[in-house]
Amino acid sequence: MTKLTQEERELLTTVERGEWRSVKNLEKERTRYQGYARATFKKDRRINIRLSQKDLDALQTLALEEGIPYQTLIASILHKYAAGSLVERARLAMSQR
């Protein structure tokens, strides 16, 4: 038997407790939430920024290592920061004290 991760064990426990319910009109709900997802990730604005050559080179190298275009990497970094899932190391260190 495959070992479950902590997250998988928690999900399994909630299923076994009967905490999950079937969704009525599944296709309608799926379509609705797909629309929300498209709207969330729609790239409909263009910006221009100035970066140092050193920073741009570093970003391009990271993107190359990840196998993605550097513009995609920059957009991802900005999205994560705006969503609060990317924090500065200094701020993180202060919160851990």
C-alpha atoms as a PDB file:
ATOM      1  CA  MET A   1       0.000   0.000   0.000  1.00  0.00           C
ATOM      2  CA  THR A   2       1.214   3.495  -0.817  1.00  0.00           C
ATOM      3  CA  LYS A   3       1.985   5.794   2.082  1.00  0.00           C
ATOM      4  CA  LEU A   4      -0.245   8.848   2.235  1.00  0.00           C
ATOM      5  CA  THR A   5       1.013  12.353   2.875  1.00  0.00           C
ATOM      6  CA  GLN A   6      -0.346  14.284   5.847  1.00  0.00           C
ATOM      7  CA  GLU A   7      -2.612  16.274   3.524  1.00  0.00           C
ATOM      8  CA  GLU A   8      -3.920  13.090   1.879  1.00  0.00           C
ATOM      9  CA  ARG A   9      -4.631  11.521   5.297  1.00  0.00           C
ATOM     10  CA  GLU A  10      -6.573  14.630   6.341  1.00  0.00           C
ATOM     11  CA  LEU A  11      -8.628  14.543   3.130  1.00  0.00           C
ATOM     12  CA  LEU A  12      -9.321  10.831   3.558  1.00  0.00           C
ATOM     13  CA  THR A  13     -10.485  11.422   7.134  1.00  0.00           C
ATOM     14  CA  THR A  14     -12.931  14.129   6.029  1.00  0.00           C
ATOM     15  CA  VAL A  15     -14.320  11.856   3.294  1.00  0.00           C
ATOM     16  CA  GLU A  16     -14.739   8.982   5.739  1.00  0.00           C
ATOM     17  CA  ARG A  17     -16.575  11.299   8.157  1.00  0.00           C
ATOM     18  CA  GLY A  18     -19.042  12.151   5.390  1.00  0.00           C
ATOM     19  CA  GLU A  19     -18.056  15.812   5.234  1.00  0.00           C
ATOM     20  CA  TRP A  20     -18.113  15.849   1.428  1.00  0.00           C
ATOM     21  CA  ARG A  21     -21.321  16.249  -0.558  1.00  0.00           C
ATOM     22  CA  SER A  22     -22.059  15.795  -4.247  1.00  0.00           C
ATOM     23  CA  VAL A  23     -22.600  18.987  -6.203  1.00  0.00           C
ATOM     24  CA  LYS A  24     -25.980  19.423  -7.854  1.00  0.00           C
ATOM     25  CA  ASN A  25     -25.747  20.457 -11.517  1.00  0.00           C
ATOM     26  CA  LEU A  26     -22.050  19.558 -11.641  1.00  0.00           C
ATOM     27  CA  GLU A  27     -21.506  20.667 -15.246  1.00  0.00           C
ATOM     28  CA  LYS A  28     -23.167  24.027 -14.622  1.00  0.00           C
ATOM     29  CA  GLU A  29     -21.060  24.595 -11.502  1.00  0.00           C
ATOM     30  CA  ARG A  30     -17.879  23.488 -13.269  1.00  0.00           C
ATOM     31  CA  THR A  31     -18.557  25.944 -16.096  1.00  0.00           C
ATOM     32  CA  ARG A  32     -19.237  28.728 -13.596  1.00  0.00           C
ATOM     33  CA  TYR A  33     -15.992  28.146 -11.700  1.00  0.00           C
ATOM     34  CA  GLN A  34     -13.998  27.793 -14.907  1.00  0.00           C
ATOM     35  CA  GLY A  35     -15.250  31.270 -15.815  1.00  0.00           C
ATOM     36  CA  TYR A  36     -14.044  32.574 -12.462  1.00  0.00           C
ATOM     37  CA  ALA A  37     -10.635  30.997 -13.037  1.00  0.00           C
ATOM     38  CA  ARG A  38     -10.341  32.482 -16.533  1.00  0.00           C
ATOM     39  CA  ALA A  39     -11.246  35.932 -15.242  1.00  0.00           C
ATOM     40  CA  THR A  40      -8.728  35.636 -12.408  1.00  0.00           C
ATOM     41  CA  PHE A  41      -5.837  34.724 -14.649  1.00  0.00           C
ATOM     42  CA  LYS A  42      -6.789  36.824 -17.662  1.00  0.00           C
ATOM     43  CA  LYS A  43      -3.827  38.900 -18.735  1.00  0.00           C
ATOM     44  CA  ASP A  44      -5.469  41.984 -20.118  1.00  0.00           C
ATOM     45  CA  ARG A  45      -3.079  44.707 -19.000  1.00  0.00           C
ATOM     46  CA  ARG A  46       0.360  45.571 -20.281  1.00  0.00           C
ATOM     47  CA  ILE A  47       2.990  47.333 -18.184  1.00  0.00           C
ATOM     48  CA  ASN A  48       6.482  48.600 -18.826  1.00  0.00           C
ATOM     49  CA  ILE A  49       9.135  48.435 -16.137  1.00  0.00           C
ATOM     50  CA  ARG A  50      12.807  49.237 -15.989  1.00  0.00           C
ATOM     51  CA  LEU A  51      15.169  46.659 -14.492  1.00  0.00           C
ATOM     52  CA  SER A  52      18.892  46.615 -14.007  1.00  0.00           C
ATOM     53  CA  GLN A  53      20.745  44.412 -16.465  1.00  0.00           C
ATOM     54  CA  LYS A  54      21.956  42.324 -13.521  1.00  0.00           C
ATOM     55  CA  ASP A  55      18.388  41.634 -12.326  1.00  0.00           C
ATOM     56  CA  LEU A  56      17.143  40.891 -15.837  1.00  0.00           C
ATOM     57  CA  ASP A  57      20.022  38.476 -16.436  1.00  0.00           C
ATOM     58  CA  ALA A  58      19.271  36.718 -13.139  1.00  0.00           C
ATOM     59  CA  LEU A  59      15.563  36.433 -13.990  1.00  0.00           C
ATOM     60  CA  GLN A  60      16.318  35.118 -17.467  1.00  0.00           C
ATOM     61  CA  THR A  61      18.701  32.525 -16.010  1.00  0.00           C
ATOM     62  CA  LEU A  62      16.088  31.392 -13.466  1.00  0.00           C
ATOM     63  CA  ALA A  63      13.439  31.195 -16.184  1.00  0.00           C
ATOM     64  CA  LEU A  64      15.750  29.152 -18.384  1.00  0.00           C
ATOM     65  CA  GLU A  65      16.362  26.737 -15.495  1.00  0.00           C
ATOM     66  CA  GLU A  66      12.589  26.436 -14.992  1.00  0.00           C
ATOM     67  CA  GLY A  67      11.989  26.029 -18.730  1.00  0.00           C
ATOM     68  CA  ILE A  68       9.606  28.980 -18.989  1.00  0.00           C
ATOM     69  CA  PRO A  69       9.771  32.407 -20.681  1.00  0.00           C
ATOM     70  CA  TYR A  70      11.215  35.078 -18.403  1.00  0.00           C
ATOM     71  CA  GLN A  71       8.094  37.246 -18.815  1.00  0.00           C
ATOM     72  CA  THR A  72       6.017  34.352 -17.457  1.00  0.00           C
ATOM     73  CA  LEU A  73       8.366  34.031 -14.484  1.00  0.00           C
ATOM     74  CA  ILE A  74       8.114  37.762 -13.735  1.00  0.00           C
ATOM     75  CA  ALA A  75       4.307  37.654 -13.996  1.00  0.00           C
ATOM     76  CA  SER A  76       4.239  34.644 -11.665  1.00  0.00           C
ATOM     77  CA  ILE A  77       6.438  36.384  -9.096  1.00  0.00           C
ATOM     78  CA  LEU A  78       4.258  39.491  -9.177  1.00  0.00           C
ATOM     79  CA  HIS A  79       1.075  37.415  -8.873  1.00  0.00           C
ATOM     80  CA  LYS A  80       2.405  35.465  -5.896  1.00  0.00           C
ATOM     81  CA  TYR A  81       3.501  38.671  -4.156  1.00  0.00           C
ATOM     82  CA  ALA A  82       0.152  40.384  -4.787  1.00  0.00           C
ATOM     83  CA  ALA A  83      -1.685  37.308  -3.502  1.00  0.00           C
ATOM     84  CA  GLY A  84       0.397  37.286  -0.322  1.00  0.00           C
ATOM     85  CA  SER A  85       2.049  33.928  -0.932  1.00  0.00           C
ATOM     86  CA  LEU A  86       5.469  35.425  -1.624  1.00  0.00           C
ATOM     87  CA  VAL A  87       7.066  37.392   1.191  1.00  0.00           C
ATOM     88  CA  GLU A  88      10.392  39.114   1.669  1.00  0.00           C
ATOM     89  CA  ARG A  89      13.005  37.164   3.620  1.00  0.00           C
ATOM     90  CA  ALA A  90      13.489  40.059   6.050  1.00  0.00           C
ATOM     91  CA  ARG A  91       9.756  40.185   6.820  1.00  0.00           C
ATOM     92  CA  LEU A  92       9.653  36.414   7.228  1.00  0.00           C
ATOM     93  CA  ALA A  93      12.614  36.482   9.615  1.00  0.00           C
ATOM     94  CA  MET A  94      10.969  39.221  11.685  1.00  0.00           C
ATOM     95  CA  SER A  95       7.741  37.215  11.979  1.00  0.00           C
ATOM     96  CA  GLN A  96       9.612  34.110  13.152  1.00  0.00           C
ATOM     97  CA  ARG A  97      11.241  35.871  16.096  1.00  0.00           C
END
